[in-house]
Each structure stands twice: as structure tokens, then as C-alpha cells.
Protein backbone atom coordinates (compact mmCIF):
# COMPACT_ATOMS: atom_id res chain seq x y z
CA MET A 1 0.00 0.00 0.00
CA THR A 2 1.36 3.46 -0.91
CA ARG A 3 2.16 5.65 2.05
CA SER A 4 1.32 9.36 2.02
CA LEU A 5 4.06 11.74 0.97
CA THR A 6 3.88 13.38 4.41
CA THR A 7 4.62 10.09 6.11
CA ARG A 8 7.50 9.39 3.76
CA LEU A 9 9.10 12.76 4.38
CA ALA A 10 8.75 12.33 8.13
CA LEU A 11 10.43 8.93 7.97
CA LEU A 12 13.21 10.37 5.81
CA GLY A 13 13.73 13.13 8.37
CA LEU A 14 14.06 10.57 11.15
CA LEU A 15 16.56 8.58 9.11
CA ALA A 16 18.65 11.67 8.43
CA ALA A 17 18.62 12.53 12.11
CA ALA A 18 19.71 9.00 13.02
CA GLN A 19 22.56 9.07 10.49
CA PRO A 20 23.83 12.66 10.27
CA ALA A 21 26.59 13.63 7.89
CA ALA A 22 30.08 14.20 9.18
CA ALA A 23 30.89 17.80 10.03
CA HIS A 24 33.24 18.18 7.07
CA GLU A 25 30.65 16.95 4.56
CA VAL A 26 28.41 19.36 2.70
CA GLY A 27 25.09 19.08 0.93
CA ALA A 28 21.56 18.40 2.13
CA TRP A 29 19.08 15.69 1.19
CA ALA A 30 15.29 15.83 0.91
CA GLY A 31 12.62 13.31 -0.03
CA ALA A 32 10.29 13.41 -3.03
CA SER A 33 7.30 11.43 -4.34
CA PHE A 34 7.90 7.70 -4.46
CA ALA A 35 7.82 6.02 -7.86
CA PRO A 36 4.49 4.34 -8.71
CA ALA A 37 6.29 0.98 -8.93
CA GLU A 38 9.33 -0.36 -7.10
CA ARG A 39 12.34 -1.04 -9.30
CA SER A 40 16.02 -1.98 -9.26
CA GLU A 41 18.81 -2.56 -11.80
CA VAL A 42 17.36 0.19 -13.96
CA ALA A 43 18.71 2.67 -16.49
CA VAL A 44 17.79 6.34 -16.06
CA ALA A 45 18.12 9.25 -18.48
CA ALA A 46 16.74 12.79 -18.51
CA LEU A 47 15.14 14.83 -21.30
CA ASP A 48 13.28 18.17 -21.18
CA GLY A 49 12.81 18.22 -17.42
CA LYS A 50 11.73 14.61 -17.10
CA ALA A 51 13.57 11.49 -15.95
CA TYR A 52 12.89 8.17 -17.66
CA VAL A 53 13.33 4.92 -15.71
CA VAL A 54 13.78 1.84 -17.92
CA GLY A 55 14.05 -1.84 -17.04
CA ASP A 56 13.72 -3.82 -13.84
CA TYR A 57 15.48 -6.76 -12.22
CA ASN A 58 12.10 -8.34 -11.45
CA GLY A 59 10.74 -8.12 -15.00
CA ALA A 60 8.52 -5.02 -15.08
CA THR A 61 8.39 -3.33 -18.48
CA GLU A 62 6.37 -0.15 -17.87
CA LEU A 63 8.30 3.04 -18.60
CA LEU A 64 8.27 5.25 -15.49
CA ILE A 65 8.42 9.00 -16.19
CA TYR A 66 9.19 11.51 -13.45
CA ASP A 67 8.42 15.21 -13.95
CA LEU A 68 11.28 16.82 -12.04
CA ALA A 69 9.66 20.25 -11.64
CA ALA A 70 6.21 19.00 -10.64
CA ASP A 71 7.42 16.07 -8.48
CA ARG A 72 4.89 13.92 -10.30
CA TRP A 73 5.06 10.46 -11.90
CA SER A 74 3.39 9.04 -15.01
CA LYS A 75 3.87 6.00 -17.22
CA GLY A 76 4.82 5.64 -20.86
CA ALA A 77 4.72 2.91 -23.48
CA PRO A 78 6.17 -0.31 -22.02
CA PHE A 79 9.64 -1.35 -23.09
CA PRO A 80 9.34 -4.10 -25.75
CA TYR A 81 10.45 -6.91 -23.40
CA PRO A 82 11.72 -7.46 -19.84
CA VAL A 83 15.30 -6.26 -19.41
CA HIS A 84 17.62 -5.44 -16.52
CA HIS A 85 21.08 -3.92 -16.19
CA THR A 86 20.46 -1.97 -19.38
CA MET A 87 22.04 1.40 -20.28
CA ALA A 88 20.39 4.63 -21.39
CA ALA A 89 21.31 8.10 -22.67
CA GLU A 90 19.57 11.06 -24.29
CA ALA A 91 20.46 12.44 -27.71
CA GLY A 92 18.54 14.55 -30.22
CA GLY A 93 15.29 14.54 -28.28
CA ARG A 94 15.12 10.78 -27.82
CA ILE A 95 16.05 8.32 -25.10
CA TYR A 96 18.33 5.53 -26.37
CA VAL A 97 18.50 2.21 -24.53
CA PHE A 98 21.42 -0.17 -25.08
CA GLY A 99 21.76 -3.87 -24.33
CA GLY A 100 21.05 -5.29 -20.90
CA TYR A 101 20.27 -8.78 -19.65
CA VAL A 102 17.29 -10.69 -21.05
CA ASN A 103 16.05 -14.23 -20.41
CA GLY A 104 17.81 -14.21 -17.07
CA TRP A 105 21.48 -13.41 -17.67
CA GLU A 106 21.78 -13.37 -21.47
CA ALA A 107 23.47 -10.17 -22.66
CA THR A 108 21.69 -8.62 -25.63
CA ASP A 109 23.02 -6.41 -28.45
CA ARG A 110 19.67 -4.74 -29.15
CA VAL A 111 19.20 -0.96 -29.16
CA TRP A 112 15.95 0.99 -28.89
CA ALA A 113 14.98 4.65 -29.21
CA TYR A 114 12.05 6.16 -27.30
CA ASP A 115 10.24 9.15 -28.83
CA PRO A 116 8.43 11.06 -26.04
CA GLY A 117 6.23 12.94 -28.51
CA ARG A 118 4.86 9.72 -29.99
CA ASP A 119 5.24 7.64 -26.80
CA SER A 120 6.71 4.83 -28.86
CA TRP A 121 9.81 2.63 -29.16
CA GLU A 122 11.77 2.04 -32.38
CA PRO A 123 14.55 -0.54 -32.94
CA ARG A 124 17.93 0.84 -33.97
CA ALA A 125 21.22 -0.66 -35.21
CA LYS A 126 22.46 -3.39 -32.89
CA MET A 127 25.60 -2.97 -30.80
CA PRO A 128 28.65 -4.76 -32.18
CA THR A 129 29.21 -6.32 -28.73
CA PRO A 130 26.30 -7.64 -26.63
CA ARG A 131 26.64 -6.25 -23.12
CA ALA A 132 24.90 -5.31 -19.88
CA ALA A 133 25.77 -3.36 -16.73
CA GLY A 134 28.01 -0.89 -18.55
CA GLY A 135 27.54 2.83 -19.06
CA ALA A 136 26.21 5.00 -21.89
CA THR A 137 27.00 8.70 -22.13
CA PRO A 138 26.58 11.38 -24.82
CA LEU A 139 29.71 13.09 -26.09
CA GLY A 140 29.13 15.63 -28.83
CA ASP A 141 26.55 14.25 -31.23
CA ARG A 142 27.31 10.60 -30.41
CA ILE A 143 26.79 8.17 -27.54
CA HIS A 144 29.66 6.19 -26.07
CA VAL A 145 28.94 2.75 -24.58
CA VAL A 146 31.68 1.75 -22.15
CA GLY A 147 32.33 -1.29 -19.97
CA GLY A 148 29.88 -3.97 -18.97
CA SER A 149 29.70 -7.72 -19.11
CA GLY A 150 28.48 -10.35 -21.53
CA SER A 151 26.46 -13.52 -21.07
CA GLY A 152 27.97 -15.39 -18.16
CA ARG A 153 28.91 -12.01 -16.62
CA GLY A 154 32.48 -11.96 -17.92
CA ASN A 155 33.68 -8.42 -18.66
CA VAL A 156 33.83 -7.05 -22.20
CA ALA A 157 36.57 -4.63 -23.26
CA PRO A 158 35.27 -2.88 -26.41
CA HIS A 159 34.36 0.80 -26.22
CA GLU A 160 31.77 1.43 -28.92
CA VAL A 161 30.35 4.69 -30.26
CA TYR A 162 26.84 5.14 -31.65
CA ASP A 163 25.93 7.84 -34.16
CA PRO A 164 22.14 8.45 -33.88
CA GLU A 165 22.01 10.45 -37.10
CA ARG A 166 23.59 7.70 -39.20
CA ASN A 167 22.27 4.87 -37.02
CA ALA A 168 25.74 3.35 -37.16
CA TRP A 169 28.53 2.19 -34.86
CA THR A 170 32.27 2.78 -34.71
CA ARG A 171 34.90 1.65 -32.21
CA ALA A 172 37.10 3.73 -29.91
CA ALA A 173 39.97 2.88 -27.56
CA ASP A 174 39.11 0.05 -25.17
CA LEU A 175 38.55 0.77 -21.49
CA PRO A 176 41.93 -0.05 -19.86
CA THR A 177 40.33 -1.86 -16.91
CA PRO A 178 37.32 -3.84 -18.18
CA ARG A 179 34.59 -3.89 -15.55
CA ASP A 180 30.84 -3.70 -15.02
CA HIS A 181 28.40 -1.85 -12.75
CA LEU A 182 30.52 1.30 -13.11
CA ALA A 183 29.72 5.02 -13.38
CA VAL A 184 30.22 6.50 -16.86
CA GLN A 185 29.71 10.23 -17.39
CA THR A 186 30.78 13.05 -19.69
CA VAL A 187 32.26 16.22 -18.21
CA ALA A 188 34.39 18.96 -19.76
CA GLY A 189 34.46 17.16 -23.12
CA ARG A 190 35.87 13.93 -21.71
CA ILE A 191 34.45 10.67 -20.33
CA VAL A 192 34.97 9.62 -16.72
CA ALA A 193 34.65 5.90 -15.84
CA SER A 194 34.62 5.31 -12.07
CA GLY A 195 34.37 2.26 -9.83
CA GLY A 196 32.74 -1.00 -10.88
CA ARG A 197 33.42 -4.68 -10.33
CA ILE A 198 35.18 -7.61 -11.98
CA ASP A 199 33.04 -10.16 -13.88
CA GLY A 200 29.83 -9.32 -12.05
CA ASP A 201 31.28 -10.18 -8.63
CA SER A 202 30.41 -7.48 -6.07
CA GLY A 203 33.06 -8.98 -3.82
CA LYS A 204 35.60 -7.66 -6.34
CA ASN A 205 34.81 -3.96 -6.34
CA LEU A 206 37.29 -1.48 -7.81
CA SER A 207 38.40 2.08 -7.12
CA ALA A 208 39.57 2.54 -10.72
CA ASN A 209 38.96 5.99 -12.19
CA GLN A 210 39.91 6.46 -15.84
CA ILE A 211 39.48 9.36 -18.27
CA TYR A 212 38.86 9.17 -22.02
CA ASP A 213 40.10 12.00 -24.22
CA PRO A 214 38.35 11.89 -27.63
CA ALA A 215 40.95 14.17 -29.21
CA ARG A 216 43.60 11.51 -28.61
CA ASP A 217 41.31 8.46 -28.59
CA ALA A 218 43.12 7.45 -25.41
CA TRP A 219 42.47 6.72 -21.75
CA SER A 220 44.49 7.90 -18.77
CA GLU A 221 44.50 7.18 -15.05
CA ALA A 222 43.04 9.67 -12.58
CA ALA A 223 42.67 9.94 -8.80
CA PRO A 224 41.00 6.70 -7.63
CA LEU A 225 37.46 6.57 -6.29
CA PRO A 226 37.88 6.90 -2.50
CA THR A 227 35.35 4.16 -1.73
CA ALA A 228 35.62 1.12 -4.01
CA ARG A 229 32.06 0.10 -4.95
CA SER A 230 29.78 -0.91 -7.81
CA GLY A 231 26.12 -0.65 -8.76
CA VAL A 232 26.26 3.09 -8.14
CA ALA A 233 24.15 5.96 -9.45
CA SER A 234 25.99 8.89 -10.99
CA ALA A 235 25.33 12.35 -12.36
CA VAL A 236 27.22 15.44 -13.49
CA LEU A 237 26.83 18.88 -11.95
CA ASP A 238 29.05 21.73 -13.10
CA ARG A 239 32.51 20.17 -13.53
CA GLU A 240 32.06 17.28 -11.08
CA VAL A 241 30.96 13.67 -11.46
CA PHE A 242 28.93 12.51 -8.45
CA VAL A 243 29.19 8.81 -7.56
CA ILE A 244 26.35 7.81 -5.22
CA GLY A 245 25.58 4.66 -3.22
CA GLY A 246 26.35 1.21 -4.60
CA GLU A 247 26.91 -2.24 -3.13
CA SER A 248 29.38 -4.94 -2.21
CA ASN A 249 28.60 -8.57 -1.50
CA ARG A 250 28.03 -7.62 2.14
CA ARG A 251 26.21 -4.28 2.18
CA THR A 252 24.83 -1.30 0.32
CA TYR A 253 26.65 2.03 0.47
CA ASP A 254 25.50 5.51 1.43
CA GLU A 255 28.72 7.25 0.37
CA VAL A 256 28.47 10.25 -1.95
CA GLU A 257 31.76 11.30 -3.55
CA ALA A 258 32.30 13.92 -6.25
CA PHE A 259 35.20 14.00 -8.69
CA ASP A 260 36.44 17.37 -9.96
CA LEU A 261 37.95 16.45 -13.32
CA PRO A 262 40.04 19.59 -13.96
CA ALA A 263 41.50 19.46 -10.44
CA ASN A 264 41.75 15.64 -10.33
CA VAL A 265 40.43 15.51 -6.76
CA TRP A 266 37.51 13.91 -4.90
CA ARG A 267 35.39 15.30 -2.09
CA GLY A 268 32.81 13.71 0.19
CA LEU A 269 29.26 15.00 0.59
CA ALA A 270 26.32 14.29 2.88
CA ARG A 271 25.52 10.60 2.88
CA LEU A 272 22.64 9.14 0.91
CA PRO A 273 19.72 8.77 3.38
CA THR A 274 18.69 5.38 1.95
CA ALA A 275 21.76 3.33 1.07
CA ARG A 276 21.02 1.43 -2.14
CA HIS A 277 22.29 0.14 -5.48
CA GLY A 278 20.92 -0.61 -8.94
CA PHE A 279 19.43 2.86 -9.29
CA GLY A 280 19.92 5.99 -11.36
CA ALA A 281 20.45 9.72 -10.96
CA VAL A 282 19.80 12.85 -13.02
CA THR A 283 20.60 16.54 -12.55
CA TYR A 284 17.95 19.25 -12.59
CA LYS A 285 18.33 22.93 -11.64
CA GLY A 286 21.37 22.45 -9.46
CA ARG A 287 20.11 19.34 -7.66
CA ILE A 288 20.67 15.62 -8.12
CA TYR A 289 17.67 13.29 -8.10
CA THR A 290 18.23 9.62 -7.22
CA LEU A 291 15.52 7.24 -8.42
CA THR A 292 14.45 3.76 -7.20
CA GLY A 293 17.02 1.01 -6.43
CA SER A 294 17.60 -1.82 -3.99
CA PRO A 295 18.28 -1.05 -0.30
CA ARG A 296 19.88 -4.48 0.21
CA PRO A 297 22.61 -6.30 -1.74
CA GLY A 298 21.17 -8.47 -4.48
CA GLY A 299 17.71 -8.33 -5.99
CA ASP A 300 15.56 -6.19 -3.69
CA LYS A 301 13.76 -3.07 -5.00
CA SER A 302 12.21 0.24 -3.96
CA GLY A 303 10.39 3.32 -5.24
CA THR A 304 12.62 5.69 -3.26
CA VAL A 305 13.36 9.16 -4.60
CA GLU A 306 15.86 11.34 -2.72
CA VAL A 307 17.23 14.70 -3.82
CA LEU A 308 20.65 16.18 -3.08
CA ASP A 309 21.34 19.90 -2.96
CA PRO A 310 25.15 19.93 -3.03
CA LYS A 311 25.23 23.54 -1.80
CA GLY A 312 22.87 22.96 1.10
CA ALA A 313 24.09 22.76 4.67
CA ALA A 314 24.21 19.25 6.15
CA PRO A 315 23.65 18.76 9.88
CA ALA A 316 26.80 18.49 12.02
CA ARG A 317 27.33 15.60 14.40
């Protein structure tokens, strides 16, 4: 049964009071309307003030759409089939969805484009390498698909680039440390790939942080992620990549760490009120919205939405 928003916010306030941020951490969290369906192992992308939540570990196919300004949910045309650990990015007014696991743990190479105006899905050119649990990020007029794992959960190395206009693929320099369940974001004209795990094993989390420079078609090493973890949500605000939550084989994480690419440094922020993994994040008007996810390691789910204001004051201990 859905609880009232008032009750949810009160519970969130109690949780924040029970687990205050350290005095040196900054940022403040608030609650928002729960999703109309609980989800985990989703892909999330934003377009025109709305966040789109695709896929589900437990097989749901309905597209969940969150109006960021109105704090209101709706539903769109269902995804064509059940999928989890898929990847999504926005380009040219459409949401593109890449790969994922189908039929249990079979990695797919299929690609779909969602048109919000028509509320419909269209198949696009397949990925050269079937994969799931990687990252997709726009860079210029193309989308880079980085990392992930294939059927059987073994990591795949190819870094592949999709051109929506030509509906065609090319290949770029491989990710130096193949891994899955990582954060992949574009900032300052480069791609940042942070954290992740080896061959789908959350007991083998990594602190790797690597930067792709398209001008050189080359990767370089950067300051490592302070807390090695995987299954994170991530978003970009100004010149920082925020890496939020995640899991190991023993627990979920509430750490929030932001990487300043030009300065090559990390900083910690107020902890995520509901530690979880398998979720997504988007940026809207200076805040970061975290959507759904599992509060326990493995296949749990939730409809949780929590919002970070990185410039807000967090409570001291």
C-alpha cells in the first residue's frame, strides 16, 4: 500500500537525524514522491525536465516517467520486453536504450529509441558487442557505450560509439580496466569511468577511475574513487561527477563522492539517506535526483526518490 508523501518525508527526516553527515561533509538531502512501482537494476536518463526509468530486475516493463519540476510520476509505453542492467542516454530529443540482460542473464546487443512525442519505441542498429551493466553517455553528437559484461557475466573490453544520425557504430579505444556496474559520465568534453566490479562479482569492487580524451582516442588514469564500490548511481553537476551509493557482496553504500575532473580531486558529501544500489540519478536545476534502487545487496527493489542539494548545509554531528 502506498504511504502518504507526508509520512514518507517524516520517515526520511528521522533517518537523516539518526545518520547525520560528518561535520566536514556538505550538501543536504530531501525526499520526493515515491515512484508508482518499485524497481532496481534500472537505467535512467533525462530529457526536457523529465527522468525516464527503464528496465527492472524483477521483469517489469512499464516506462516510469518523473516530472522533475512538478514532483509527479506518469507512465509511458512499455519497453518491448523485460530487461535489466540496461544502459540509457539522451540524444537529439530521444532516449536511447542499449543492451542489458534478457532471459535471465543473457546479454543482448539490441538498441531501442524512445520518442516522447509519440510515446513509442523504435529498434535501432544493434551494438557490435552484446553487453549489460556498462555505461552509456553522450559526447558531442554521439553516444559512447563503455564497460559492462556479456552472457555469463564476464567483462567485455570494447568501447563502442553510436551515431544516432547515421544509425551506425564505430569503435574507440578500449577501457583499460574492463569492468561492469561502473559510473560512466561526460564532463568537460571527456568521459569519466569510475568504480565498478570484476566479472559481475560485487566482492571484487574497484576504485579505478579512468578518463577518455576523444581528441587523442586514449584513456588515462586519474585519482581513484575513495570508496571502491559498484552498482552506483551517478550524475554530473558543473565540472564534477557525483558517484552515489552502490553495493558490495556484504552491504549497500550511502557514500556520496564527487570528482572534480580539472583538479583531479575527490570530495565527500552528505551521505545518501537510503543506502542502495541498482538505481539511477539525473541533474535538474542544481540538484541531483536519485531514483528507485535496492536497499539491500542483491535483488531487492524500492520506489525511493531522494534529492541532493550539493550547496545545502548538512547537519553536524
